[in-house]
C-alpha atoms as a PDB file:
ATOM      1  CA  VAL A   1      -3.325  11.114  22.400  1.00  0.00           C
ATOM      2  CA  LYS A   2      -4.397  11.187  25.546  1.00  0.00           C
ATOM      3  CA  ALA A   3      -2.589  14.066  26.669  1.00  0.00           C
ATOM      4  CA  GLY A   4      -4.141  16.352  24.217  1.00  0.00           C
ATOM      5  CA  LYS A   5      -0.980  16.913  22.635  1.00  0.00           C
ATOM      6  CA  VAL A   6      -1.441  14.769  19.238  1.00  0.00           C
ATOM      7  CA  ARG A   7      -4.388  14.099  18.285  1.00  0.00           C
ATOM      8  CA  TYR A   8      -4.600  10.999  15.558  1.00  0.00           C
ATOM      9  CA  VAL A   9      -1.206   8.636  15.281  1.00  0.00           C
ATOM     10  CA  GLY A  10      -0.221   7.638  11.767  1.00  0.00           C
ATOM     11  CA  LEU A  11       2.519   6.093  10.153  1.00  0.00           C
ATOM     12  CA  SER A  12       4.183   6.960   7.098  1.00  0.00           C
ATOM     13  CA  ASN A  13       5.662   4.232   4.051  1.00  0.00           C
ATOM     14  CA  GLU A  14       4.234   1.349   5.773  1.00  0.00           C
ATOM     15  CA  SER A  15       3.684  -2.380   4.079  1.00  0.00           C
ATOM     16  CA  PRO A  16       0.570  -4.152   4.432  1.00  0.00           C
ATOM     17  CA  TYR A  17       1.599  -6.296   7.772  1.00  0.00           C
ATOM     18  CA  GLY A  18       2.909  -3.329   9.426  1.00  0.00           C
ATOM     19  CA  VAL A  19      -0.487  -1.329   9.489  1.00  0.00           C
ATOM     20  CA  ALA A  20      -1.972  -5.045  10.288  1.00  0.00           C
ATOM     21  CA  GLU A  21       0.273  -5.273  13.237  1.00  0.00           C
ATOM     22  CA  PHE A  22      -0.506  -1.915  14.418  1.00  0.00           C
ATOM     23  CA  VAL A  23      -3.592  -1.717  14.401  1.00  0.00           C
ATOM     24  CA  ALA A  24      -3.854  -5.398  15.974  1.00  0.00           C
ATOM     25  CA  GLN A  25      -1.182  -4.217  18.752  1.00  0.00           C
ATOM     26  CA  ALA A  26      -3.337  -1.011  19.782  1.00  0.00           C
ATOM     27  CA  GLU A  27      -6.247  -2.968  19.927  1.00  0.00           C
ATOM     28  CA  ALA A  28      -4.713  -5.373  22.163  1.00  0.00           C
ATOM     29  CA  HIS A  29      -3.086  -2.802  24.705  1.00  0.00           C
ATOM     30  CA  GLY A  30      -5.638   0.127  24.461  1.00  0.00           C
ATOM     31  CA  LEU A  31      -3.614   2.236  22.479  1.00  0.00           C
ATOM     32  CA  PRO A  32      -4.717   5.301  20.366  1.00  0.00           C
ATOM     33  CA  ARG A  33      -5.614   3.686  16.694  1.00  0.00           C
ATOM     34  CA  VAL A  34      -3.705   4.139  13.537  1.00  0.00           C
ATOM     35  CA  ALA A  35      -5.990   6.479  11.972  1.00  0.00           C
ATOM     36  CA  THR A  36      -4.068   7.450   8.551  1.00  0.00           C
ATOM     37  CA  VAL A  37      -0.831   6.227   6.867  1.00  0.00           C
ATOM     38  CA  GLN A  38       1.259   8.482   4.726  1.00  0.00           C
ATOM     39  CA  ASN A  39       2.789   6.453   1.377  1.00  0.00           C
ATOM     40  CA  PRO A  40       3.433   7.199  -2.024  1.00  0.00           C
ATOM     41  CA  TYR A  41       0.818   7.035  -4.006  1.00  0.00           C
ATOM     42  CA  ALA A  42       1.412   8.313  -7.668  1.00  0.00           C
ATOM     43  CA  LEU A  43       0.301   7.389 -11.454  1.00  0.00           C
ATOM     44  CA  THR A  44       4.372   5.986 -11.183  1.00  0.00           C
ATOM     45  CA  SER A  45       3.888   4.863  -7.737  1.00  0.00           C
ATOM     46  CA  ARG A  46       1.305   1.962  -7.151  1.00  0.00           C
ATOM     47  CA  ALA A  47       2.485  -0.288  -4.843  1.00  0.00           C
ATOM     48  CA  LEU A  48      -0.328   0.403  -2.853  1.00  0.00           C
ATOM     49  CA  ASP A  49      -2.863  -1.272  -4.962  1.00  0.00           C
ATOM     50  CA  ASN A  50      -1.327  -4.611  -4.661  1.00  0.00           C
ATOM     51  CA  GLY A  51      -2.535  -5.597  -1.186  1.00  0.00           C
ATOM     52  CA  LEU A  52      -2.104  -2.489   1.015  1.00  0.00           C
ATOM     53  CA  ASP A  53      -5.337  -0.639  -0.116  1.00  0.00           C
ATOM     54  CA  GLU A  54      -7.621  -3.564   0.914  1.00  0.00           C
ATOM     55  CA  VAL A  55      -5.896  -3.411   4.729  1.00  0.00           C
ATOM     56  CA  MET A  56      -6.474   0.003   4.875  1.00  0.00           C
ATOM     57  CA  HIS A  57      -9.881  -0.095   3.710  1.00  0.00           C
ATOM     58  CA  ARG A  58     -11.117  -3.012   6.210  1.00  0.00           C
ATOM     59  CA  LEU A  59      -9.177  -1.701   8.986  1.00  0.00           C
ATOM     60  CA  GLN A  60     -10.662   1.706   8.242  1.00  0.00           C
ATOM     61  CA  VAL A  61      -7.250   3.578   8.138  1.00  0.00           C
ATOM     62  CA  SER A  62      -7.003   6.034   5.619  1.00  0.00           C
ATOM     63  CA  LEU A  63      -4.974   6.961   2.958  1.00  0.00           C
ATOM     64  CA  LEU A  64      -2.319  10.460   2.671  1.00  0.00           C
ATOM     65  CA  ALA A  65      -1.070  10.327  -0.699  1.00  0.00           C
ATOM     66  CA  TYR A  66       2.397  11.972  -0.859  1.00  0.00           C
ATOM     67  CA  SER A  67       4.393  13.050  -4.061  1.00  0.00           C
ATOM     68  CA  PRO A  68       1.148  12.481  -6.189  1.00  0.00           C
ATOM     69  CA  LEU A  69       3.310  14.753  -8.891  1.00  0.00           C
ATOM     70  CA  ALA A  70       6.351  12.170  -8.302  1.00  0.00           C
ATOM     71  CA  PHE A  71       8.572  15.122  -7.724  1.00  0.00           C
ATOM     72  CA  GLY A  72       7.676  17.011 -10.333  1.00  0.00           C
ATOM     73  CA  ALA A  73       7.976  14.033 -13.048  1.00  0.00           C
ATOM     74  CA  LEU A  74       4.120  14.362 -13.329  1.00  0.00           C
ATOM     75  CA  THR A  75       3.484  17.543 -14.120  1.00  0.00           C
ATOM     76  CA  GLY A  76       5.750  17.637 -17.444  1.00  0.00           C
ATOM     77  CA  LYS A  77       8.757  19.567 -16.708  1.00  0.00           C
ATOM     78  CA  TYR A  78      11.663  17.032 -17.429  1.00  0.00           C
ATOM     79  CA  ASP A  79       9.671  15.676 -20.506  1.00  0.00           C
ATOM     80  CA  GLU A  80      11.678  17.631 -23.188  1.00  0.00           C
ATOM     81  CA  VAL A  81      15.137  18.471 -21.140  1.00  0.00           C
ATOM     82  CA  GLY A  82      15.134  15.542 -18.476  1.00  0.00           C
ATOM     83  CA  LEU A  83      16.842  15.831 -15.770  1.00  0.00           C
ATOM     84  CA  HIS A  84      20.092  17.828 -17.085  1.00  0.00           C
ATOM     85  CA  GLY A  85      19.028  20.402 -19.655  1.00  0.00           C
ATOM     86  CA  SER A  86      16.939  22.892 -17.504  1.00  0.00           C
ATOM     87  CA  ALA A  87      17.493  26.694 -16.834  1.00  0.00           C
ATOM     88  CA  ARG A  88      15.141  26.391 -13.442  1.00  0.00           C
ATOM     89  CA  PRO A  89      15.751  22.858 -12.276  1.00  0.00           C
ATOM     90  CA  GLY A  90      13.487  21.405  -9.849  1.00  0.00           C
ATOM     91  CA  ARG A  91      14.928  19.471  -6.518  1.00  0.00           C
ATOM     92  CA  LEU A  92      14.589  15.665  -8.547  1.00  0.00           C
ATOM     93  CA  ALA A  93      16.912  17.572 -11.019  1.00  0.00           C
ATOM     94  CA  MET A  94      19.163  19.467  -8.366  1.00  0.00           C
ATOM     95  CA  PHE A  95      20.816  16.885  -6.694  1.00  0.00           C
ATOM     96  CA  GLU A  96      22.434  13.779  -7.832  1.00  0.00           C
ATOM     97  CA  THR A  97      21.353  11.631  -4.800  1.00  0.00           C
ATOM     98  CA  MET A  98      18.161  12.620  -5.938  1.00  0.00           C
ATOM     99  CA  LYS A  99      18.027  11.654 -10.004  1.00  0.00           C
ATOM    100  CA  ARG A 100      19.206   8.256  -8.107  1.00  0.00           C
ATOM    101  CA  GLN A 101      15.985   7.699  -6.372  1.00  0.00           C
ATOM    102  CA  ARG A 102      12.854   6.396  -7.069  1.00  0.00           C
ATOM    103  CA  TRP A 103      11.034   9.449  -9.163  1.00  0.00           C
ATOM    104  CA  GLY A 104      14.282   9.953 -10.735  1.00  0.00           C
ATOM    105  CA  ARG A 105      15.013   6.381 -12.197  1.00  0.00           C
ATOM    106  CA  PRO A 106      14.864   6.520 -16.187  1.00  0.00           C
ATOM    107  CA  GLU A 107      12.169   3.841 -16.221  1.00  0.00           C
ATOM    108  CA  ALA A 108      10.074   6.693 -13.893  1.00  0.00           C
ATOM    109  CA  LEU A 109      10.336   9.366 -16.235  1.00  0.00           C
ATOM    110  CA  GLU A 110       9.690   7.245 -19.092  1.00  0.00           C
ATOM    111  CA  ALA A 111       6.438   6.368 -17.581  1.00  0.00           C
ATOM    112  CA  ALA A 112       5.831   9.993 -16.187  1.00  0.00           C
ATOM    113  CA  LYS A 113       6.319  11.047 -19.818  1.00  0.00           C
ATOM    114  CA  LEU A 114       3.692   8.996 -21.045  1.00  0.00           C
ATOM    115  CA  TYR A 115       1.207   9.659 -18.482  1.00  0.00           C
ATOM    116  CA  ASN A 116       1.599  13.104 -19.103  1.00  0.00           C
ATOM    117  CA  ALA A 117       0.975  12.833 -23.235  1.00  0.00           C
ATOM    118  CA  LEU A 118      -1.840  10.992 -22.504  1.00  0.00           C
ATOM    119  CA  ALA A 119      -2.821  14.043 -20.253  1.00  0.00           C
ATOM    120  CA  ARG A 120      -2.133  16.415 -23.296  1.00  0.00           C
ATOM    121  CA  LYS A 121      -4.288  13.976 -25.418  1.00  0.00           C
ATOM    122  CA  HIS A 122      -7.174  14.311 -23.120  1.00  0.00           C
ATOM    123  CA  GLY A 123      -7.186  18.127 -22.897  1.00  0.00           C
ATOM    124  CA  LEU A 124      -5.758  18.499 -19.366  1.00  0.00           C
ATOM    125  CA  THR A 125      -2.096  18.931 -18.263  1.00  0.00           C
ATOM    126  CA  PRO A 126      -0.144  16.312 -16.773  1.00  0.00           C
ATOM    127  CA  THR A 127      -0.706  17.846 -13.315  1.00  0.00           C
ATOM    128  CA  GLN A 128      -4.615  17.550 -13.682  1.00  0.00           C
ATOM    129  CA  LEU A 129      -4.307  14.080 -14.533  1.00  0.00           C
ATOM    130  CA  ALA A 130      -1.776  13.053 -11.784  1.00  0.00           C
ATOM    131  CA  LEU A 131      -3.987  14.912  -9.361  1.00  0.00           C
ATOM    132  CA  ALA A 132      -7.240  13.986 -10.497  1.00  0.00           C
ATOM    133  CA  PHE A 133      -6.290  10.055 -10.318  1.00  0.00           C
ATOM    134  CA  CYS A 134      -5.759  10.968  -6.319  1.00  0.00           C
ATOM    135  CA  TYR A 135      -7.901  12.996  -5.654  1.00  0.00           C
ATOM    136  CA  THR A 136     -11.392  10.947  -7.551  1.00  0.00           C
ATOM    137  CA  ASN A 137      -9.725   6.990  -5.789  1.00  0.00           C
ATOM    138  CA  TRP A 138     -11.107   5.468  -3.309  1.00  0.00           C
ATOM    139  CA  ARG A 139      -7.803   4.869  -1.526  1.00  0.00           C
ATOM    140  CA  VAL A 140      -7.038   8.332  -1.119  1.00  0.00           C
ATOM    141  CA  ALA A 141      -8.785  10.515   1.940  1.00  0.00           C
ATOM    142  CA  SER A 142      -5.923  13.831   0.975  1.00  0.00           C
ATOM    143  CA  THR A 143      -2.919  14.366  -0.786  1.00  0.00           C
ATOM    144  CA  ILE A 144       0.432  15.869   0.169  1.00  0.00           C
ATOM    145  CA  ILE A 145       1.519  18.284  -2.615  1.00  0.00           C
ATOM    146  CA  GLY A 146       4.566  20.521  -2.987  1.00  0.00           C
ATOM    147  CA  VAL A 147       4.690  23.864  -4.690  1.00  0.00           C
ATOM    148  CA  THR A 148       7.470  26.512  -5.416  1.00  0.00           C
ATOM    149  CA  SER A 149       4.847  29.140  -6.486  1.00  0.00           C
ATOM    150  CA  THR A 150       1.584  30.576  -6.244  1.00  0.00           C
ATOM    151  CA  ALA A 151       1.013  30.103  -9.816  1.00  0.00           C
ATOM    152  CA  GLN A 152       1.965  25.808  -8.868  1.00  0.00           C
ATOM    153  CA  LEU A 153      -0.690  26.221  -6.235  1.00  0.00           C
ATOM    154  CA  ASP A 154      -3.621  27.544  -7.937  1.00  0.00           C
ATOM    155  CA  GLU A 155      -2.741  24.247 -10.692  1.00  0.00           C
ATOM    156  CA  ASN A 156      -2.969  22.052  -7.689  1.00  0.00           C
ATOM    157  CA  LEU A 157      -6.168  23.291  -6.698  1.00  0.00           C
ATOM    158  CA  ALA A 158      -7.904  23.814  -9.784  1.00  0.00           C
ATOM    159  CA  ALA A 159      -7.473  19.987 -10.609  1.00  0.00           C
ATOM    160  CA  TRP A 160      -9.875  19.176  -7.650  1.00  0.00           C
ATOM    161  CA  GLY A 161     -12.953  19.327  -9.784  1.00  0.00           C
ATOM    162  CA  THR A 162     -11.238  17.060 -12.991  1.00  0.00           C
ATOM    163  CA  THR A 163     -13.294  14.155 -13.818  1.00  0.00           C
ATOM    164  CA  LEU A 164     -11.956  11.288 -15.320  1.00  0.00           C
ATOM    165  CA  SER A 165     -13.774   9.298 -18.171  1.00  0.00           C
ATOM    166  CA  PRO A 166     -13.750   5.687 -18.184  1.00  0.00           C
ATOM    167  CA  GLU A 167     -11.684   5.126 -21.424  1.00  0.00           C
ATOM    168  CA  LEU A 168      -9.105   7.735 -19.706  1.00  0.00           C
ATOM    169  CA  LEU A 169      -8.805   5.656 -16.833  1.00  0.00           C
ATOM    170  CA  ALA A 170      -8.824   2.684 -18.962  1.00  0.00           C
ATOM    171  CA  GLU A 171      -6.103   4.161 -21.072  1.00  0.00           C
ATOM    172  CA  ILE A 172      -4.498   4.550 -17.426  1.00  0.00           C
ATOM    173  CA  ASP A 173      -4.381   1.172 -16.641  1.00  0.00           C
ATOM    174  CA  ALA A 174      -2.847   0.149 -20.244  1.00  0.00           C
ATOM    175  CA  ILE A 175       0.361   2.471 -19.544  1.00  0.00           C
ATOM    176  CA  ARG A 176       0.513   1.191 -15.967  1.00  0.00           C
ATOM    177  CA  TRP A 177       0.649  -2.574 -17.045  1.00  0.00           C
ATOM    178  CA  LYS A 178       3.471  -1.916 -19.396  1.00  0.00           C
ATOM    179  CA  HIS A 179       5.312   0.322 -17.157  1.00  0.00           C
ATOM    180  CA  ARG A 180       4.305  -1.640 -13.544  1.00  0.00           C
ATOM    181  CA  ASP A 181       5.020   0.705 -10.734  1.00  0.00           C
ATOM    182  CA  PRO A 182       8.632   2.127 -11.800  1.00  0.00           C
ATOM    183  CA  ALA A 183       8.832   5.093  -9.192  1.00  0.00           C
ATOM    184  CA  GLN A 184       8.943   1.955  -6.234  1.00  0.00           C
END
């Protein structure tokens, strides 16, 4: 940072204690302050809401939410065929190791189906709901998305102006209370 080769310091996959300790050590030793944390944040992965969000808010550290579409599970592409039946599988379905990780767990896929159905019920695509949830959340400074086509990029960008009604947010919360952070 002092040499100008790096503008800001960030952390990835960090805990509340880790963020607080990095900030404290930077301040105590005159080091560059942590500006941001890159952690997973999606409808099916909201562990950040369980305390890390407060630490980051109070210490003025921003969130770069990664995998807001839960490796494609929150786009609806696995709803009907699961991880084994697609002629054009996504990354989550292509590799056995990916199927066993957070986004491919049966409970995470089941919760994703519920959120995707909720989106459709409210006239949204699953992608619109998932990204609007992140785009409009006070915790999120920016999202890290991955696309494999221009159409996917267009849909991700189109979700930017989507507003979620209080009723829809209440339904999101109802799903979360039944399926608490299944992609953790």
